[in-house]
N, C-alpha and C. Protein backbone atom coordinates (compact mmCIF):
# COMPACT_ATOMS: atom_id res chain seq x y z
N MET A 1 -60.48 -38.42 -36.84
CA MET A 1 -59.08 -38.72 -36.77
C MET A 1 -58.27 -37.48 -36.42
N SER A 2 -58.71 -36.30 -36.87
CA SER A 2 -57.98 -35.09 -36.56
C SER A 2 -58.04 -34.77 -35.06
N ARG A 3 -59.12 -35.18 -34.40
CA ARG A 3 -59.26 -34.96 -32.97
C ARG A 3 -58.21 -35.76 -32.19
N MET A 4 -57.80 -36.88 -32.67
CA MET A 4 -56.84 -37.73 -32.01
C MET A 4 -55.43 -37.09 -32.02
N TYR A 5 -55.10 -36.44 -33.08
CA TYR A 5 -53.77 -35.84 -33.17
C TYR A 5 -53.69 -34.46 -32.55
N ARG A 6 -54.84 -33.86 -32.27
CA ARG A 6 -54.85 -32.51 -31.72
C ARG A 6 -54.20 -32.47 -30.34
N GLY A 7 -54.48 -33.44 -29.48
CA GLY A 7 -53.88 -33.45 -28.15
C GLY A 7 -52.38 -33.62 -28.21
N GLY A 8 -51.90 -34.40 -29.13
CA GLY A 8 -50.46 -34.61 -29.27
C GLY A 8 -49.76 -33.35 -29.76
N ILE A 9 -50.37 -32.66 -30.68
CA ILE A 9 -49.79 -31.43 -31.21
C ILE A 9 -49.81 -30.34 -30.15
N LEU A 10 -50.95 -30.22 -29.44
CA LEU A 10 -51.01 -29.21 -28.37
C LEU A 10 -50.02 -29.53 -27.25
N GLY A 11 -49.88 -30.81 -26.94
CA GLY A 11 -48.90 -31.19 -25.92
C GLY A 11 -47.49 -30.86 -26.34
N ALA A 12 -47.18 -31.12 -27.61
CA ALA A 12 -45.84 -30.80 -28.13
C ALA A 12 -45.62 -29.28 -28.11
N LEU A 13 -46.66 -28.52 -28.50
CA LEU A 13 -46.53 -27.06 -28.48
C LEU A 13 -46.36 -26.55 -27.04
N MET A 14 -47.03 -27.18 -26.09
CA MET A 14 -46.87 -26.76 -24.69
C MET A 14 -45.44 -27.02 -24.20
N PHE A 15 -44.86 -28.15 -24.60
CA PHE A 15 -43.47 -28.43 -24.23
C PHE A 15 -42.52 -27.40 -24.85
N VAL A 16 -42.77 -27.03 -26.10
CA VAL A 16 -41.93 -26.03 -26.77
C VAL A 16 -42.08 -24.68 -26.08
N ILE A 17 -43.33 -24.30 -25.77
CA ILE A 17 -43.57 -23.03 -25.08
C ILE A 17 -42.92 -23.05 -23.70
N TRP A 18 -43.02 -24.19 -23.01
CA TRP A 18 -42.40 -24.31 -21.68
C TRP A 18 -40.87 -24.16 -21.80
N ASP A 19 -40.25 -24.78 -22.78
CA ASP A 19 -38.80 -24.65 -22.98
C ASP A 19 -38.42 -23.20 -23.29
N ILE A 20 -39.23 -22.53 -24.10
CA ILE A 20 -38.95 -21.12 -24.41
C ILE A 20 -39.06 -20.27 -23.16
N ALA A 21 -40.10 -20.50 -22.35
CA ALA A 21 -40.29 -19.71 -21.12
C ALA A 21 -39.13 -19.95 -20.14
N VAL A 22 -38.72 -21.21 -20.01
CA VAL A 22 -37.60 -21.52 -19.10
C VAL A 22 -36.31 -20.88 -19.61
N SER A 23 -36.07 -20.92 -20.91
CA SER A 23 -34.88 -20.30 -21.48
C SER A 23 -34.86 -18.79 -21.26
N ILE A 24 -36.01 -18.15 -21.45
CA ILE A 24 -36.10 -16.70 -21.23
C ILE A 24 -35.88 -16.37 -19.76
N ALA A 25 -36.46 -17.17 -18.87
CA ALA A 25 -36.27 -16.93 -17.43
C ALA A 25 -34.81 -17.14 -17.04
N ASP A 26 -34.17 -18.18 -17.60
CA ASP A 26 -32.76 -18.43 -17.31
C ASP A 26 -31.89 -17.27 -17.81
N LEU A 27 -32.17 -16.80 -19.02
CA LEU A 27 -31.43 -15.67 -19.56
C LEU A 27 -31.62 -14.42 -18.70
N PHE A 28 -32.86 -14.19 -18.28
CA PHE A 28 -33.15 -13.04 -17.43
C PHE A 28 -32.38 -13.13 -16.11
N LEU A 29 -32.37 -14.32 -15.50
CA LEU A 29 -31.65 -14.47 -14.22
C LEU A 29 -30.15 -14.31 -14.39
N ARG A 30 -29.61 -14.81 -15.50
CA ARG A 30 -28.17 -14.63 -15.75
C ARG A 30 -27.83 -13.15 -15.93
N GLU A 31 -28.64 -12.45 -16.68
CA GLU A 31 -28.39 -11.01 -16.89
C GLU A 31 -28.56 -10.24 -15.58
N LEU A 32 -29.56 -10.62 -14.81
CA LEU A 32 -29.76 -9.98 -13.51
C LEU A 32 -28.56 -10.22 -12.60
N TRP A 33 -28.06 -11.46 -12.59
CA TRP A 33 -26.89 -11.80 -11.77
C TRP A 33 -25.66 -11.01 -12.24
N ALA A 34 -25.50 -10.83 -13.54
CA ALA A 34 -24.38 -10.04 -14.07
C ALA A 34 -24.49 -8.58 -13.63
N LEU A 35 -25.71 -8.05 -13.62
CA LEU A 35 -25.90 -6.66 -13.18
C LEU A 35 -25.65 -6.51 -11.68
N ILE A 36 -26.04 -7.51 -10.91
CA ILE A 36 -25.82 -7.45 -9.46
C ILE A 36 -24.33 -7.52 -9.13
N ARG A 37 -23.56 -8.27 -9.93
CA ARG A 37 -22.13 -8.45 -9.66
C ARG A 37 -21.29 -7.22 -10.00
N ILE A 38 -21.77 -6.29 -10.79
CA ILE A 38 -20.97 -5.16 -11.25
C ILE A 38 -20.40 -4.34 -10.09
N PRO A 39 -21.18 -3.91 -9.10
CA PRO A 39 -20.58 -3.13 -8.00
C PRO A 39 -19.53 -3.91 -7.22
N PHE A 40 -19.73 -5.22 -7.06
CA PHE A 40 -18.76 -6.03 -6.34
C PHE A 40 -17.46 -6.18 -7.13
N GLU A 41 -17.58 -6.26 -8.46
CA GLU A 41 -16.38 -6.32 -9.29
C GLU A 41 -15.62 -5.00 -9.21
N ILE A 42 -16.34 -3.90 -9.19
CA ILE A 42 -15.69 -2.59 -9.07
C ILE A 42 -14.97 -2.48 -7.73
N MET A 43 -15.64 -2.91 -6.64
CA MET A 43 -14.98 -2.86 -5.32
C MET A 43 -13.77 -3.78 -5.28
N SER A 44 -13.86 -4.94 -5.89
CA SER A 44 -12.73 -5.86 -5.94
C SER A 44 -11.55 -5.24 -6.69
N ALA A 45 -11.82 -4.57 -7.79
CA ALA A 45 -10.76 -3.91 -8.55
C ALA A 45 -10.12 -2.80 -7.73
N ILE A 46 -10.92 -2.06 -6.98
CA ILE A 46 -10.38 -0.98 -6.13
C ILE A 46 -9.48 -1.56 -5.05
N PHE A 47 -9.92 -2.65 -4.41
CA PHE A 47 -9.09 -3.28 -3.38
C PHE A 47 -7.81 -3.85 -3.97
N GLN A 48 -7.87 -4.42 -5.17
CA GLN A 48 -6.67 -4.92 -5.82
C GLN A 48 -5.72 -3.78 -6.16
N MET A 49 -6.27 -2.63 -6.54
CA MET A 49 -5.43 -1.47 -6.84
C MET A 49 -4.71 -1.02 -5.57
N PHE A 50 -5.45 -0.95 -4.44
CA PHE A 50 -4.81 -0.55 -3.18
C PHE A 50 -3.75 -1.56 -2.77
N ALA A 51 -4.00 -2.85 -2.98
CA ALA A 51 -3.01 -3.88 -2.64
C ALA A 51 -1.76 -3.74 -3.51
N ALA A 52 -1.95 -3.44 -4.79
CA ALA A 52 -0.80 -3.25 -5.69
C ALA A 52 0.00 -2.02 -5.30
N ILE A 53 -0.69 -0.94 -4.94
CA ILE A 53 0.01 0.27 -4.51
C ILE A 53 0.76 0.02 -3.21
N ASP A 54 0.14 -0.72 -2.29
CA ASP A 54 0.81 -1.04 -1.03
C ASP A 54 2.03 -1.92 -1.26
N ALA A 55 1.92 -2.89 -2.17
CA ALA A 55 3.08 -3.75 -2.47
C ALA A 55 4.19 -2.93 -3.11
N MET A 56 3.83 -1.99 -3.97
CA MET A 56 4.85 -1.14 -4.59
C MET A 56 5.52 -0.25 -3.54
N ARG A 57 4.71 0.26 -2.61
CA ARG A 57 5.27 1.08 -1.54
C ARG A 57 6.22 0.26 -0.66
N THR A 58 5.84 -0.97 -0.37
CA THR A 58 6.70 -1.85 0.41
C THR A 58 8.01 -2.10 -0.33
N ASN A 59 7.92 -2.36 -1.64
CA ASN A 59 9.15 -2.57 -2.42
C ASN A 59 10.02 -1.33 -2.43
N LEU A 60 9.41 -0.16 -2.52
CA LEU A 60 10.19 1.08 -2.47
C LEU A 60 10.83 1.28 -1.11
N ASP A 61 10.14 0.91 -0.04
CA ASP A 61 10.73 0.99 1.31
C ASP A 61 11.91 0.05 1.43
N ILE A 62 11.78 -1.17 0.90
CA ILE A 62 12.89 -2.12 0.93
C ILE A 62 14.06 -1.59 0.13
N LEU A 63 13.79 -1.04 -1.06
CA LEU A 63 14.86 -0.49 -1.89
C LEU A 63 15.55 0.67 -1.18
N SER A 64 14.77 1.51 -0.52
CA SER A 64 15.37 2.64 0.20
C SER A 64 16.22 2.15 1.36
N SER A 65 15.79 1.08 2.06
CA SER A 65 16.59 0.52 3.14
C SER A 65 17.88 -0.08 2.60
N VAL A 66 17.78 -0.79 1.48
CA VAL A 66 18.97 -1.40 0.89
C VAL A 66 19.95 -0.32 0.45
N LEU A 67 19.45 0.73 -0.17
CA LEU A 67 20.34 1.82 -0.59
C LEU A 67 20.95 2.54 0.61
N SER A 68 20.19 2.67 1.69
CA SER A 68 20.72 3.28 2.90
C SER A 68 21.84 2.43 3.50
N ILE A 69 21.63 1.11 3.54
CA ILE A 69 22.68 0.23 4.04
C ILE A 69 23.91 0.32 3.15
N TYR A 70 23.70 0.33 1.83
CA TYR A 70 24.83 0.44 0.90
C TYR A 70 25.56 1.76 1.10
N HIS A 71 24.82 2.84 1.29
CA HIS A 71 25.46 4.14 1.52
C HIS A 71 26.27 4.13 2.82
N ASN A 72 25.72 3.50 3.86
CA ASN A 72 26.46 3.42 5.12
C ASN A 72 27.73 2.59 4.96
N PHE A 73 27.66 1.54 4.13
CA PHE A 73 28.87 0.74 3.89
C PHE A 73 29.92 1.52 3.13
N THR A 74 29.48 2.26 2.12
CA THR A 74 30.45 2.88 1.21
C THR A 74 30.91 4.25 1.67
N SER A 75 30.24 4.88 2.61
CA SER A 75 30.59 6.26 2.94
C SER A 75 31.93 6.36 3.67
N GLY A 76 32.26 5.39 4.52
CA GLY A 76 33.50 5.53 5.28
C GLY A 76 34.52 4.46 5.01
N LEU A 77 34.45 3.81 3.85
CA LEU A 77 35.33 2.67 3.63
C LEU A 77 36.48 2.95 2.67
N SER A 78 36.79 4.21 2.39
CA SER A 78 37.93 4.47 1.51
C SER A 78 39.25 4.27 2.25
N PHE A 79 39.27 4.54 3.54
CA PHE A 79 40.51 4.35 4.31
C PHE A 79 40.89 2.88 4.40
N PRO A 80 39.97 1.95 4.78
CA PRO A 80 40.36 0.54 4.76
C PRO A 80 40.69 0.04 3.37
N ASP A 81 40.06 0.62 2.35
CA ASP A 81 40.38 0.23 0.98
C ASP A 81 41.85 0.51 0.70
N ASN A 82 42.32 1.69 1.06
CA ASN A 82 43.73 2.03 0.83
C ASN A 82 44.66 1.13 1.63
N ILE A 83 44.30 0.83 2.86
CA ILE A 83 45.15 -0.03 3.68
C ILE A 83 45.21 -1.44 3.10
N LEU A 84 44.05 -2.01 2.79
CA LEU A 84 44.04 -3.39 2.29
C LEU A 84 44.75 -3.53 0.95
N GLN A 85 44.65 -2.53 0.09
CA GLN A 85 45.32 -2.62 -1.19
C GLN A 85 46.83 -2.40 -1.06
N SER A 86 47.24 -1.67 -0.05
CA SER A 86 48.67 -1.41 0.09
C SER A 86 49.38 -2.55 0.80
N ILE A 87 48.65 -3.43 1.51
CA ILE A 87 49.31 -4.51 2.25
C ILE A 87 49.91 -5.53 1.30
N SER A 88 49.09 -6.13 0.47
CA SER A 88 49.58 -7.18 -0.43
C SER A 88 48.45 -7.55 -1.38
N PRO A 89 48.74 -8.46 -2.30
CA PRO A 89 47.66 -8.94 -3.16
C PRO A 89 46.56 -9.65 -2.36
N MET A 90 46.92 -10.23 -1.21
CA MET A 90 45.91 -10.87 -0.38
C MET A 90 44.90 -9.85 0.14
N GLY A 91 45.37 -8.65 0.45
CA GLY A 91 44.46 -7.59 0.87
C GLY A 91 43.47 -7.25 -0.23
N THR A 92 43.95 -7.24 -1.47
CA THR A 92 43.05 -6.98 -2.60
C THR A 92 42.01 -8.08 -2.72
N LEU A 93 42.42 -9.34 -2.54
CA LEU A 93 41.46 -10.45 -2.59
C LEU A 93 40.44 -10.34 -1.46
N ILE A 94 40.90 -9.94 -0.27
CA ILE A 94 39.97 -9.76 0.85
C ILE A 94 38.98 -8.66 0.51
N TRP A 95 39.47 -7.57 -0.08
CA TRP A 95 38.59 -6.46 -0.43
C TRP A 95 37.57 -6.85 -1.49
N ILE A 96 38.03 -7.64 -2.50
CA ILE A 96 37.11 -8.13 -3.53
C ILE A 96 36.07 -9.06 -2.90
N GLY A 97 36.51 -9.91 -1.96
CA GLY A 97 35.57 -10.79 -1.26
C GLY A 97 34.55 -10.00 -0.45
N PHE A 98 35.04 -8.92 0.22
CA PHE A 98 34.12 -8.09 0.99
C PHE A 98 33.05 -7.48 0.09
N TRP A 99 33.45 -6.94 -1.06
CA TRP A 99 32.47 -6.33 -1.94
C TRP A 99 31.58 -7.38 -2.59
N GLY A 100 32.11 -8.59 -2.77
CA GLY A 100 31.26 -9.68 -3.24
C GLY A 100 30.16 -10.01 -2.25
N VAL A 101 30.52 -10.03 -0.95
CA VAL A 101 29.52 -10.28 0.09
C VAL A 101 28.51 -9.15 0.14
N VAL A 102 28.98 -7.91 0.02
CA VAL A 102 28.07 -6.76 0.01
C VAL A 102 27.10 -6.87 -1.16
N PHE A 103 27.63 -7.24 -2.34
CA PHE A 103 26.74 -7.37 -3.50
C PHE A 103 25.77 -8.53 -3.30
N TRP A 104 26.25 -9.63 -2.73
CA TRP A 104 25.39 -10.81 -2.55
C TRP A 104 24.24 -10.52 -1.60
N TYR A 105 24.53 -9.84 -0.49
CA TYR A 105 23.48 -9.62 0.51
C TYR A 105 22.72 -8.31 0.34
N ILE A 106 23.27 -7.37 -0.42
CA ILE A 106 22.59 -6.08 -0.59
C ILE A 106 22.23 -5.84 -2.06
N GLY A 107 23.17 -6.09 -2.96
CA GLY A 107 22.94 -5.77 -4.37
C GLY A 107 21.90 -6.65 -5.02
N ILE A 108 21.97 -7.96 -4.78
CA ILE A 108 21.01 -8.87 -5.40
C ILE A 108 19.59 -8.62 -4.90
N PRO A 109 19.36 -8.45 -3.56
CA PRO A 109 17.99 -8.08 -3.14
C PRO A 109 17.53 -6.74 -3.72
N ALA A 110 18.46 -5.78 -3.84
CA ALA A 110 18.09 -4.49 -4.43
C ALA A 110 17.68 -4.66 -5.88
N LEU A 111 18.43 -5.47 -6.63
CA LEU A 111 18.05 -5.71 -8.02
C LEU A 111 16.72 -6.45 -8.12
N GLY A 112 16.47 -7.39 -7.19
CA GLY A 112 15.18 -8.09 -7.18
C GLY A 112 14.02 -7.15 -6.94
N VAL A 113 14.19 -6.24 -5.98
CA VAL A 113 13.12 -5.27 -5.69
C VAL A 113 12.92 -4.33 -6.86
N LEU A 114 14.01 -3.88 -7.46
CA LEU A 114 13.92 -2.98 -8.60
C LEU A 114 13.23 -3.67 -9.78
N PHE A 115 13.59 -4.94 -10.01
CA PHE A 115 12.93 -5.70 -11.08
C PHE A 115 11.45 -5.88 -10.79
N SER A 116 11.11 -6.12 -9.53
CA SER A 116 9.70 -6.28 -9.16
C SER A 116 8.92 -4.99 -9.38
N ILE A 117 9.53 -3.86 -9.02
CA ILE A 117 8.86 -2.57 -9.22
C ILE A 117 8.65 -2.30 -10.71
N LEU A 118 9.67 -2.60 -11.52
CA LEU A 118 9.57 -2.32 -12.94
C LEU A 118 8.57 -3.24 -13.65
N THR A 119 8.47 -4.50 -13.22
CA THR A 119 7.57 -5.42 -13.90
C THR A 119 6.14 -5.35 -13.40
N ASP A 120 5.89 -4.79 -12.23
CA ASP A 120 4.52 -4.68 -11.72
C ASP A 120 3.74 -3.59 -12.42
N ASN A 121 4.42 -2.65 -13.04
CA ASN A 121 3.69 -1.54 -13.67
C ASN A 121 3.35 -1.87 -15.07
C-alpha cells in the first residue's frame, strides 16, 4: 500500500519543486531587469534635468524680453504723462487705461513667467 502513495507524494513534491524553481527564476529575471534599467533611468533623469534647465532658460529669456519692453515703454513716457494729466480728467482716464493695457499685455505674462520660474525650483 505504501508503494501506491509514493508516486503521488513524489509527484506532489515535483510540483512544489517546480513552483519553487519557477519563482526563483522569475525573481532572478525581475532583479536582472531592474539592474539593466538603472543606466537608462540615469540617462532619463539627465535628459529631464537638461529639459528643465532649458525651460527655465526660456522663461528667463521671456522675462528679460518683457522687462525690456516695459523699460522701453516707461523710459520716454513722462512727457505724455504730464500732457495727458494737464488736459483734463479724461486725460487721466486715458493714461490709466494705457497703463492697464500695458499691465494686461506685459505685466500679467511677466508675473506668469516669474511664478513659473519660482515654482519649478
